[in-house]
Amino acid sequence: MPASKKALSQFEGLKSLGTGTSVAETETTRTRGRPLKQGAKSRDPEYRAWGGYLKIKTLNEANYELGKAHGGPDMSDLLEELLAGWVAQRQADEGKKK
């Protein structure tokens, strides 16, 4: 067998069993991983992941308070709100100095 051809496993035919599609069609339409949630921040170009250090006590208490507010903001929403307010305040203070 030439090295360029991929050997099919004995279970390849089971992928298309009961779907009415061939193995080749199944492989081309298959997606990997979980389906995306609507509004996933990890896929939104307006967001970027970052890492930071917080005191354990502060983080635990914030998670507890966020957990009490069912349907409220998550930790990233809270941090976004707080940082945006801080930046706006700093920019306003700088504008007053000029």
PDB file of N, CA and C in Angstrom:
ATOM      1  N   MET A   1       0.859  -1.184   0.000  1.00  0.00           N
ATOM      2  CA  MET A   1       0.000   0.000   0.000  1.00  0.00           C
ATOM      3  C   MET A   1       0.898   1.238   0.000  1.00  0.00           C
ATOM      4  N   PRO A   2       0.625   2.234  -0.856  1.00  0.00           N
ATOM      5  CA  PRO A   2       1.440   3.447  -0.885  1.00  0.00           C
ATOM      6  C   PRO A   2       1.308   4.224   0.425  1.00  0.00           C
ATOM      7  N   ALA A   3       2.383   4.922   0.788  1.00  0.00           N
ATOM      8  CA  ALA A   3       2.407   5.659   2.045  1.00  0.00           C
ATOM      9  C   ALA A   3       1.461   6.851   2.030  1.00  0.00           C
ATOM     10  N   SER A   4       1.083   7.351   0.855  1.00  0.00           N
ATOM     11  CA  SER A   4       0.234   8.529   0.781  1.00  0.00           C
ATOM     12  C   SER A   4      -1.236   8.233   1.056  1.00  0.00           C
ATOM     13  N   LYS A   5      -1.642   6.983   0.966  1.00  0.00           N
ATOM     14  CA  LYS A   5      -3.047   6.642   1.228  1.00  0.00           C
ATOM     15  C   LYS A   5      -3.244   6.351   2.708  1.00  0.00           C
ATOM     16  N   LYS A   6      -4.336   6.884   3.262  1.00  0.00           N
ATOM     17  CA  LYS A   6      -4.659   6.685   4.674  1.00  0.00           C
ATOM     18  C   LYS A   6      -5.404   5.358   4.827  1.00  0.00           C
ATOM     19  N   ALA A   7      -4.960   4.525   5.720  1.00  0.00           N
ATOM     20  CA  ALA A   7      -5.627   3.249   5.966  1.00  0.00           C
ATOM     21  C   ALA A   7      -6.874   3.499   6.800  1.00  0.00           C
ATOM     22  N   LEU A   8      -7.999   2.946   6.368  1.00  0.00           N
ATOM     23  CA  LEU A   8      -9.250   3.091   7.102  1.00  0.00           C
ATOM     24  C   LEU A   8      -9.301   2.073   8.225  1.00  0.00           C
ATOM     25  N   SER A   9      -9.817   2.469   9.360  1.00  0.00           N
ATOM     26  CA  SER A   9      -9.959   1.527  10.459  1.00  0.00           C
ATOM     27  C   SER A   9     -11.151   0.633  10.187  1.00  0.00           C
ATOM     28  N   GLN A  10     -11.255  -0.431  10.937  1.00  0.00           N
ATOM     29  CA  GLN A  10     -12.354  -1.366  10.742  1.00  0.00           C
ATOM     30  C   GLN A  10     -13.705  -0.771  11.135  1.00  0.00           C
ATOM     31  N   PHE A  11     -13.703   0.375  11.811  1.00  0.00           N
ATOM     32  CA  PHE A  11     -14.937   0.993  12.272  1.00  0.00           C
ATOM     33  C   PHE A  11     -15.362   2.197  11.438  1.00  0.00           C
ATOM     34  N   GLU A  12     -14.630   2.553  10.392  1.00  0.00           N
ATOM     35  CA  GLU A  12     -14.948   3.726   9.578  1.00  0.00           C
ATOM     36  C   GLU A  12     -16.377   3.679   9.029  1.00  0.00           C
ATOM     37  N   GLY A  13     -16.845   2.520   8.629  1.00  0.00           N
ATOM     38  CA  GLY A  13     -18.180   2.394   8.055  1.00  0.00           C
ATOM     39  C   GLY A  13     -19.289   2.683   9.055  1.00  0.00           C
ATOM     40  N   LEU A  14     -19.015   2.544  10.346  1.00  0.00           N
ATOM     41  CA  LEU A  14     -20.030   2.775  11.368  1.00  0.00           C
ATOM     42  C   LEU A  14     -20.407   4.252  11.492  1.00  0.00           C
ATOM     43  N   LYS A  15     -19.519   5.156  11.075  1.00  0.00           N
ATOM     44  CA  LYS A  15     -19.803   6.581  11.179  1.00  0.00           C
ATOM     45  C   LYS A  15     -21.044   6.968  10.390  1.00  0.00           C
ATOM     46  N   SER A  16     -21.204   6.342   9.240  1.00  0.00           N
ATOM     47  CA  SER A  16     -22.314   6.725   8.378  1.00  0.00           C
ATOM     48  C   SER A  16     -23.524   5.805   8.530  1.00  0.00           C
ATOM     49  N   LEU A  17     -23.438   4.828   9.381  1.00  0.00           N
ATOM     50  CA  LEU A  17     -24.526   3.873   9.564  1.00  0.00           C
ATOM     51  C   LEU A  17     -25.805   4.568  10.024  1.00  0.00           C
ATOM     52  N   GLY A  18     -26.872   4.403   9.292  1.00  0.00           N
ATOM     53  CA  GLY A  18     -28.161   4.968   9.667  1.00  0.00           C
ATOM     54  C   GLY A  18     -28.343   6.429   9.278  1.00  0.00           C
ATOM     55  N   THR A  19     -27.348   7.054   8.693  1.00  0.00           N
ATOM     56  CA  THR A  19     -27.494   8.456   8.307  1.00  0.00           C
ATOM     57  C   THR A  19     -27.754   8.620   6.823  1.00  0.00           C
ATOM     58  N   GLY A  20     -27.488   7.585   6.048  1.00  0.00           N
ATOM     59  CA  GLY A  20     -27.709   7.679   4.606  1.00  0.00           C
ATOM     60  C   GLY A  20     -26.611   8.465   3.898  1.00  0.00           C
ATOM     61  N   THR A  21     -25.511   8.722   4.566  1.00  0.00           N
ATOM     62  CA  THR A  21     -24.398   9.431   3.949  1.00  0.00           C
ATOM     63  C   THR A  21     -23.197   8.514   3.880  1.00  0.00           C
ATOM     64  N   SER A  22     -22.299   8.788   2.988  1.00  0.00           N
ATOM     65  CA  SER A  22     -21.095   7.978   2.859  1.00  0.00           C
ATOM     66  C   SER A  22     -20.080   8.413   3.909  1.00  0.00           C
ATOM     67  N   VAL A  23     -19.044   7.615   4.073  1.00  0.00           N
ATOM     68  CA  VAL A  23     -17.991   7.939   5.031  1.00  0.00           C
ATOM     69  C   VAL A  23     -17.315   9.249   4.637  1.00  0.00           C
ATOM     70  N   ALA A  24     -17.056   9.448   3.354  1.00  0.00           N
ATOM     71  CA  ALA A  24     -16.387  10.677   2.900  1.00  0.00           C
ATOM     72  C   ALA A  24     -17.235  11.904   3.211  1.00  0.00           C
ATOM     73  N   GLU A  25     -18.561  11.814   3.015  1.00  0.00           N
ATOM     74  CA  GLU A  25     -19.440  12.947   3.319  1.00  0.00           C
ATOM     75  C   GLU A  25     -19.452  13.234   4.816  1.00  0.00           C
ATOM     76  N   THR A  26     -19.460  12.204   5.621  1.00  0.00           N
ATOM     77  CA  THR A  26     -19.480  12.369   7.066  1.00  0.00           C
ATOM     78  C   THR A  26     -18.232  13.093   7.546  1.00  0.00           C
ATOM     79  N   GLU A  27     -17.076  12.729   7.009  1.00  0.00           N
ATOM     80  CA  GLU A  27     -15.829  13.350   7.444  1.00  0.00           C
ATOM     81  C   GLU A  27     -15.745  14.811   7.039  1.00  0.00           C
ATOM     82  N   THR A  28     -16.317  15.193   5.900  1.00  0.00           N
ATOM     83  CA  THR A  28     -16.212  16.583   5.465  1.00  0.00           C
ATOM     84  C   THR A  28     -17.199  17.493   6.190  1.00  0.00           C
ATOM     85  N   THR A  29     -18.297  16.955   6.716  1.00  0.00           N
ATOM     86  CA  THR A  29     -19.290  17.789   7.387  1.00  0.00           C
ATOM     87  C   THR A  29     -19.146  17.763   8.900  1.00  0.00           C
ATOM     88  N   ARG A  30     -18.267  16.969   9.405  1.00  0.00           N
ATOM     89  CA  ARG A  30     -18.106  16.837  10.849  1.00  0.00           C
ATOM     90  C   ARG A  30     -17.416  18.074  11.416  1.00  0.00           C
ATOM     91  N   THR A  31     -17.899  18.531  12.579  1.00  0.00           N
ATOM     92  CA  THR A  31     -17.248  19.631  13.276  1.00  0.00           C
ATOM     93  C   THR A  31     -16.653  19.100  14.562  1.00  0.00           C
ATOM     94  N   ARG A  32     -15.638  19.762  15.042  1.00  0.00           N
ATOM     95  CA  ARG A  32     -14.961  19.313  16.256  1.00  0.00           C
ATOM     96  C   ARG A  32     -15.462  20.088  17.459  1.00  0.00           C
ATOM     97  N   GLY A  33     -15.460  19.440  18.601  1.00  0.00           N
ATOM     98  CA  GLY A  33     -15.774  20.108  19.854  1.00  0.00           C
ATOM     99  C   GLY A  33     -17.251  20.355  20.067  1.00  0.00           C
ATOM    100  N   ARG A  34     -17.515  21.074  21.134  1.00  0.00           N
ATOM    101  CA  ARG A  34     -18.892  21.405  21.479  1.00  0.00           C
ATOM    102  C   ARG A  34     -19.424  22.479  20.550  1.00  0.00           C
ATOM    103  N   PRO A  35     -20.743  22.512  20.371  1.00  0.00           N
ATOM    104  CA  PRO A  35     -21.306  23.608  19.575  1.00  0.00           C
ATOM    105  C   PRO A  35     -21.079  24.938  20.286  1.00  0.00           C
ATOM    106  N   LEU A  36     -20.892  25.993  19.510  1.00  0.00           N
ATOM    107  CA  LEU A  36     -20.636  27.308  20.096  1.00  0.00           C
ATOM    108  C   LEU A  36     -21.898  27.893  20.705  1.00  0.00           C
ATOM    109  N   LYS A  37     -21.731  28.506  21.856  1.00  0.00           N
ATOM    110  CA  LYS A  37     -22.842  29.230  22.469  1.00  0.00           C
ATOM    111  C   LYS A  37     -22.983  30.562  21.748  1.00  0.00           C
ATOM    112  N   GLN A  38     -24.207  31.052  21.678  1.00  0.00           N
ATOM    113  CA  GLN A  38     -24.418  32.370  21.099  1.00  0.00           C
ATOM    114  C   GLN A  38     -23.729  33.389  21.984  1.00  0.00           C
ATOM    115  N   GLY A  39     -22.990  34.291  21.395  1.00  0.00           N
ATOM    116  CA  GLY A  39     -22.340  35.345  22.153  1.00  0.00           C
ATOM    117  C   GLY A  39     -21.127  34.883  22.940  1.00  0.00           C
ATOM    118  N   ALA A  40     -20.475  33.810  22.507  1.00  0.00           N
ATOM    119  CA  ALA A  40     -19.303  33.318  23.217  1.00  0.00           C
ATOM    120  C   ALA A  40     -18.182  34.349  23.142  1.00  0.00           C
ATOM    121  N   LYS A  41     -17.700  34.783  24.289  1.00  0.00           N
ATOM    122  CA  LYS A  41     -16.657  35.809  24.331  1.00  0.00           C
ATOM    123  C   LYS A  41     -15.353  35.297  23.734  1.00  0.00           C
ATOM    124  N   SER A  42     -15.119  33.993  23.831  1.00  0.00           N
ATOM    125  CA  SER A  42     -13.879  33.431  23.300  1.00  0.00           C
ATOM    126  C   SER A  42     -13.809  33.533  21.779  1.00  0.00           C
ATOM    127  N   ARG A  43     -14.944  33.678  21.118  1.00  0.00           N
ATOM    128  CA  ARG A  43     -14.972  33.794  19.653  1.00  0.00           C
ATOM    129  C   ARG A  43     -15.212  35.223  19.180  1.00  0.00           C
ATOM    130  N   ASP A  44     -15.445  36.141  20.094  1.00  0.00           N
ATOM    131  CA  ASP A  44     -15.743  37.535  19.750  1.00  0.00           C
ATOM    132  C   ASP A  44     -14.433  38.311  19.629  1.00  0.00           C
ATOM    133  N   PRO A  45     -14.167  38.923  18.470  1.00  0.00           N
ATOM    134  CA  PRO A  45     -12.908  39.655  18.302  1.00  0.00           C
ATOM    135  C   PRO A  45     -12.788  40.885  19.197  1.00  0.00           C
ATOM    136  N   GLU A  46     -13.873  41.329  19.806  1.00  0.00           N
ATOM    137  CA  GLU A  46     -13.829  42.467  20.715  1.00  0.00           C
ATOM    138  C   GLU A  46     -13.241  42.100  22.077  1.00  0.00           C
ATOM    139  N   TYR A  47     -13.091  40.810  22.349  1.00  0.00           N
ATOM    140  CA  TYR A  47     -12.598  40.340  23.635  1.00  0.00           C
ATOM    141  C   TYR A  47     -11.250  39.657  23.468  1.00  0.00           C
ATOM    142  N   ARG A  48     -10.427  39.708  24.517  1.00  0.00           N
ATOM    143  CA  ARG A  48      -9.151  39.005  24.549  1.00  0.00           C
ATOM    144  C   ARG A  48      -8.971  38.417  25.935  1.00  0.00           C
ATOM    145  N   ALA A  49      -8.539  37.185  25.988  1.00  0.00           N
ATOM    146  CA  ALA A  49      -8.288  36.533  27.275  1.00  0.00           C
ATOM    147  C   ALA A  49      -7.016  37.100  27.903  1.00  0.00           C
ATOM    148  N   TRP A  50      -6.978  37.132  29.211  1.00  0.00           N
ATOM    149  CA  TRP A  50      -5.807  37.606  29.931  1.00  0.00           C
ATOM    150  C   TRP A  50      -5.746  36.869  31.253  1.00  0.00           C
ATOM    151  N   GLY A  51      -4.648  36.978  31.929  1.00  0.00           N
ATOM    152  CA  GLY A  51      -4.500  36.356  33.240  1.00  0.00           C
ATOM    153  C   GLY A  51      -4.058  37.396  34.239  1.00  0.00           C
ATOM    154  N   GLY A  52      -4.406  37.198  35.461  1.00  0.00           N
ATOM    155  CA  GLY A  52      -4.019  38.138  36.505  1.00  0.00           C
ATOM    156  C   GLY A  52      -4.054  37.446  37.853  1.00  0.00           C
ATOM    157  N   TYR A  53      -3.619  38.155  38.849  1.00  0.00           N
ATOM    158  CA  TYR A  53      -3.593  37.617  40.212  1.00  0.00           C
ATOM    159  C   TYR A  53      -4.542  38.407  41.096  1.00  0.00           C
ATOM    160  N   LEU A  54      -5.378  37.693  41.801  1.00  0.00           N
ATOM    161  CA  LEU A  54      -6.276  38.276  42.790  1.00  0.00           C
ATOM    162  C   LEU A  54      -6.101  37.505  44.085  1.00  0.00           C
ATOM    163  N   LYS A  55      -6.354  38.181  45.182  1.00  0.00           N
ATOM    164  CA  LYS A  55      -6.318  37.478  46.464  1.00  0.00           C
ATOM    165  C   LYS A  55      -7.440  36.452  46.479  1.00  0.00           C
ATOM    166  N   ILE A  56      -7.149  35.291  47.032  1.00  0.00           N
ATOM    167  CA  ILE A  56      -8.116  34.194  47.076  1.00  0.00           C
ATOM    168  C   ILE A  56      -9.396  34.622  47.778  1.00  0.00           C
ATOM    169  N   LYS A  57      -9.263  35.330  48.884  1.00  0.00           N
ATOM    170  CA  LYS A  57     -10.432  35.762  49.653  1.00  0.00           C
ATOM    171  C   LYS A  57     -11.326  36.670  48.799  1.00  0.00           C
ATOM    172  N   THR A  58     -10.707  37.628  48.101  1.00  0.00           N
ATOM    173  CA  THR A  58     -11.471  38.551  47.262  1.00  0.00           C
ATOM    174  C   THR A  58     -12.179  37.796  46.140  1.00  0.00           C
ATOM    175  N   LEU A  59     -11.456  36.898  45.487  1.00  0.00           N
ATOM    176  CA  LEU A  59     -12.034  36.126  44.389  1.00  0.00           C
ATOM    177  C   LEU A  59     -13.190  35.255  44.865  1.00  0.00           C
ATOM    178  N   ASN A  60     -13.002  34.581  45.990  1.00  0.00           N
ATOM    179  CA  ASN A  60     -14.068  33.724  46.527  1.00  0.00           C
ATOM    180  C   ASN A  60     -15.311  34.533  46.901  1.00  0.00           C
ATOM    181  N   GLU A  61     -15.112  35.681  47.546  1.00  0.00           N
ATOM    182  CA  GLU A  61     -16.253  36.512  47.934  1.00  0.00           C
ATOM    183  C   GLU A  61     -16.968  37.082  46.719  1.00  0.00           C
ATOM    184  N   ALA A  62     -16.202  37.477  45.694  1.00  0.00           N
ATOM    185  CA  ALA A  62     -16.822  37.993  44.465  1.00  0.00           C
ATOM    186  C   ALA A  62     -17.615  36.892  43.771  1.00  0.00           C
ATOM    187  N   ASN A  63     -17.062  35.687  43.688  1.00  0.00           N
ATOM    188  CA  ASN A  63     -17.789  34.563  43.085  1.00  0.00           C
ATOM    189  C   ASN A  63     -19.068  34.259  43.850  1.00  0.00           C
ATOM    190  N   TYR A  64     -19.007  34.345  45.175  1.00  0.00           N
ATOM    191  CA  TYR A  64     -20.187  34.103  45.998  1.00  0.00           C
ATOM    192  C   TYR A  64     -21.260  35.148  45.700  1.00  0.00           C
ATOM    193  N   GLU A  65     -20.886  36.416  45.674  1.00  0.00           N
ATOM    194  CA  GLU A  65     -21.851  37.487  45.410  1.00  0.00           C
ATOM    195  C   GLU A  65     -22.426  37.375  43.997  1.00  0.00           C
ATOM    196  N   LEU A  66     -21.580  37.040  43.030  1.00  0.00           N
ATOM    197  CA  LEU A  66     -22.070  36.865  41.659  1.00  0.00           C
ATOM    198  C   LEU A  66     -23.018  35.673  41.569  1.00  0.00           C
ATOM    199  N   GLY A  67     -22.755  34.642  42.345  1.00  0.00           N
ATOM    200  CA  GLY A  67     -23.617  33.464  42.357  1.00  0.00           C
ATOM    201  C   GLY A  67     -24.987  33.761  42.938  1.00  0.00           C
ATOM    202  N   LYS A  68     -25.068  34.708  43.880  1.00  0.00           N
ATOM    203  CA  LYS A  68     -26.362  35.076  44.469  1.00  0.00           C
ATOM    204  C   LYS A  68     -27.223  35.836  43.474  1.00  0.00           C
ATOM    205  N   ALA A  69     -26.608  36.546  42.538  1.00  0.00           N
ATOM    206  CA  ALA A  69     -27.345  37.339  41.547  1.00  0.00           C
ATOM    207  C   ALA A  69     -27.595  36.471  40.321  1.00  0.00           C
ATOM    208  N   HIS A  70     -28.609  35.615  40.405  1.00  0.00           N
ATOM    209  CA  HIS A  70     -28.916  34.716  39.294  1.00  0.00           C
ATOM    210  C   HIS A  70     -29.250  35.519  38.042  1.00  0.00           C
ATOM    211  N   GLY A  71     -28.627  35.168  36.941  1.00  0.00           N
ATOM    212  CA  GLY A  71     -28.870  35.875  35.688  1.00  0.00           C
ATOM    213  C   GLY A  71     -28.130  37.198  35.604  1.00  0.00           C
ATOM    214  N   GLY A  72     -27.315  37.483  36.607  1.00  0.00           N
ATOM    215  CA  GLY A  72     -26.551  38.728  36.609  1.00  0.00           C
ATOM    216  C   GLY A  72     -25.256  38.573  35.834  1.00  0.00           C
ATOM    217  N   PRO A  73     -24.349  39.496  36.029  1.00  0.00           N
ATOM    218  CA  PRO A  73     -23.090  39.442  35.280  1.00  0.00           C
ATOM    219  C   PRO A  73     -22.210  38.289  35.749  1.00  0.00           C
ATOM    220  N   ASP A  74     -21.328  37.842  34.850  1.00  0.00           N
ATOM    221  CA  ASP A  74     -20.328  36.878  35.276  1.00  0.00           C
ATOM    222  C   ASP A  74     -19.065  37.657  35.642  1.00  0.00           C
ATOM    223  N   MET A  75     -18.032  36.955  36.058  1.00  0.00           N
ATOM    224  CA  MET A  75     -16.829  37.627  36.540  1.00  0.00           C
ATOM    225  C   MET A  75     -16.223  38.516  35.452  1.00  0.00           C
ATOM    226  N   SER A  76     -16.186  38.061  34.210  1.00  0.00           N
ATOM    227  CA  SER A  76     -15.588  38.877  33.157  1.00  0.00           C
ATOM    228  C   SER A  76     -16.417  40.128  32.883  1.00  0.00           C
ATOM    229  N   ASP A  77     -17.742  40.025  32.964  1.00  0.00           N
ATOM    230  CA  ASP A  77     -18.595  41.204  32.789  1.00  0.00           C
ATOM    231  C   ASP A  77     -18.344  42.223  33.908  1.00  0.00           C
ATOM    232  N   LEU A  78     -18.207  41.721  35.132  1.00  0.00           N
ATOM    233  CA  LEU A  78     -17.949  42.604  36.272  1.00  0.00           C
ATOM    234  C   LEU A  78     -16.597  43.310  36.128  1.00  0.00           C
ATOM    235  N   LEU A  79     -15.573  42.559  35.763  1.00  0.00           N
ATOM    236  CA  LEU A  79     -14.256  43.160  35.584  1.00  0.00           C
ATOM    237  C   LEU A  79     -14.261  44.181  34.447  1.00  0.00           C
ATOM    238  N   GLU A  80     -14.956  43.877  33.360  1.00  0.00           N
ATOM    239  CA  GLU A  80     -15.075  44.820  32.237  1.00  0.00           C
ATOM    240  C   GLU A  80     -15.729  46.116  32.699  1.00  0.00           C
ATOM    241  N   GLU A  81     -16.815  45.997  33.448  1.00  0.00           N
ATOM    242  CA  GLU A  81     -17.533  47.173  33.938  1.00  0.00           C
ATOM    243  C   GLU A  81     -16.659  48.019  34.868  1.00  0.00           C
ATOM    244  N   LEU A  82     -15.975  47.359  35.790  1.00  0.00           N
ATOM    245  CA  LEU A  82     -15.127  48.079  36.739  1.00  0.00           C
ATOM    246  C   LEU A  82     -13.938  48.755  36.057  1.00  0.00           C
ATOM    247  N   LEU A  83     -13.283  48.042  35.146  1.00  0.00           N
ATOM    248  CA  LEU A  83     -12.133  48.624  34.450  1.00  0.00           C
ATOM    249  C   LEU A  83     -12.544  49.746  33.509  1.00  0.00           C
ATOM    250  N   ALA A  84     -13.665  49.589  32.813  1.00  0.00           N
ATOM    251  CA  ALA A  84     -14.139  50.650  31.922  1.00  0.00           C
ATOM    252  C   ALA A  84     -14.456  51.912  32.718  1.00  0.00           C
ATOM    253  N   GLY A  85     -15.070  51.760  33.887  1.00  0.00           N
ATOM    254  CA  GLY A  85     -15.356  52.904  34.750  1.00  0.00           C
ATOM    255  C   GLY A  85     -14.089  53.566  35.255  1.00  0.00           C
ATOM    256  N   TRP A  86     -13.093  52.760  35.608  1.00  0.00           N
ATOM    257  CA  TRP A  86     -11.823  53.287  36.091  1.00  0.00           C
ATOM    258  C   TRP A  86     -11.109  54.075  34.989  1.00  0.00           C
ATOM    259  N   VAL A  87     -11.082  53.503  33.769  1.00  0.00           N
ATOM    260  CA  VAL A  87     -10.439  54.184  32.638  1.00  0.00           C
ATOM    261  C   VAL A  87     -11.154  55.497  32.338  1.00  0.00           C
ATOM    262  N   ALA A  88     -12.481  55.486  32.315  1.00  0.00           N
ATOM    263  CA  ALA A  88     -13.257  56.700  32.025  1.00  0.00           C
ATOM    264  C   ALA A  88     -12.973  57.774  33.084  1.00  0.00           C
ATOM    265  N   GLN A  89     -12.888  57.366  34.340  1.00  0.00           N
ATOM    266  CA  GLN A  89     -12.601  58.317  35.418  1.00  0.00           C
ATOM    267  C   GLN A  89     -11.212  58.915  35.263  1.00  0.00           C
ATOM    268  N   ARG A  90     -10.228  58.087  34.944  1.00  0.00           N
ATOM    269  CA  ARG A  90      -8.857  58.583  34.754  1.00  0.00           C
ATOM    270  C   ARG A  90      -8.776  59.566  33.588  1.00  0.00           C
ATOM    271  N   GLN A  91      -9.485  59.228  32.499  1.00  0.00           N
ATOM    272  CA  GLN A  91      -9.464  60.109  31.334  1.00  0.00           C
ATOM    273  C   GLN A  91     -10.168  61.427  31.630  1.00  0.00           C
ATOM    274  N   ALA A  92     -11.234  61.376  32.408  1.00  0.00           N
ATOM    275  CA  ALA A  92     -11.936  62.607  32.796  1.00  0.00           C
ATOM    276  C   ALA A  92     -11.061  63.462  33.701  1.00  0.00           C
ATOM    277  N   ASP A  93     -10.350  62.832  34.620  1.00  0.00           N
ATOM    278  CA  ASP A  93      -9.448  63.566  35.510  1.00  0.00           C
ATOM    279  C   ASP A  93      -8.309  64.209  34.734  1.00  0.00           C
ATOM    280  N   GLU A  94      -7.786  63.505  33.727  1.00  0.00           N
ATOM    281  CA  GLU A  94      -6.720  64.054  32.901  1.00  0.00           C
ATOM    282  C   GLU A  94      -7.214  65.238  32.081  1.00  0.00           C
ATOM    283  N   GLY A  95      -8.456  65.161  31.607  1.00  0.00           N
ATOM    284  CA  GLY A  95      -9.045  66.251  30.839  1.00  0.00           C
ATOM    285  C   GLY A  95      -9.209  67.509  31.662  1.00  0.00           C
ATOM    286  N   LYS A  96      -9.478  67.359  32.962  1.00  0.00           N
ATOM    287  CA  LYS A  96      -9.634  68.499  33.864  1.00  0.00           C
ATOM    288  C   LYS A  96      -8.298  69.193  34.136  1.00  0.00           C
ATOM    289  N   LYS A  97      -7.207  68.405  34.109  1.00  0.00           N
ATOM    290  CA  LYS A  97      -5.886  68.940  34.402  1.00  0.00           C
ATOM    291  C   LYS A  97      -5.377  69.836  33.267  1.00  0.00           C
ATOM    292  N   LYS A  98      -5.813  69.597  32.051  1.00  0.00           N
ATOM    293  CA  LYS A  98      -5.283  70.341  30.892  1.00  0.00           C
ATOM    294  C   LYS A  98      -5.898  71.688  30.748  1.00  0.00           C
TER     295      LYS A  98
END
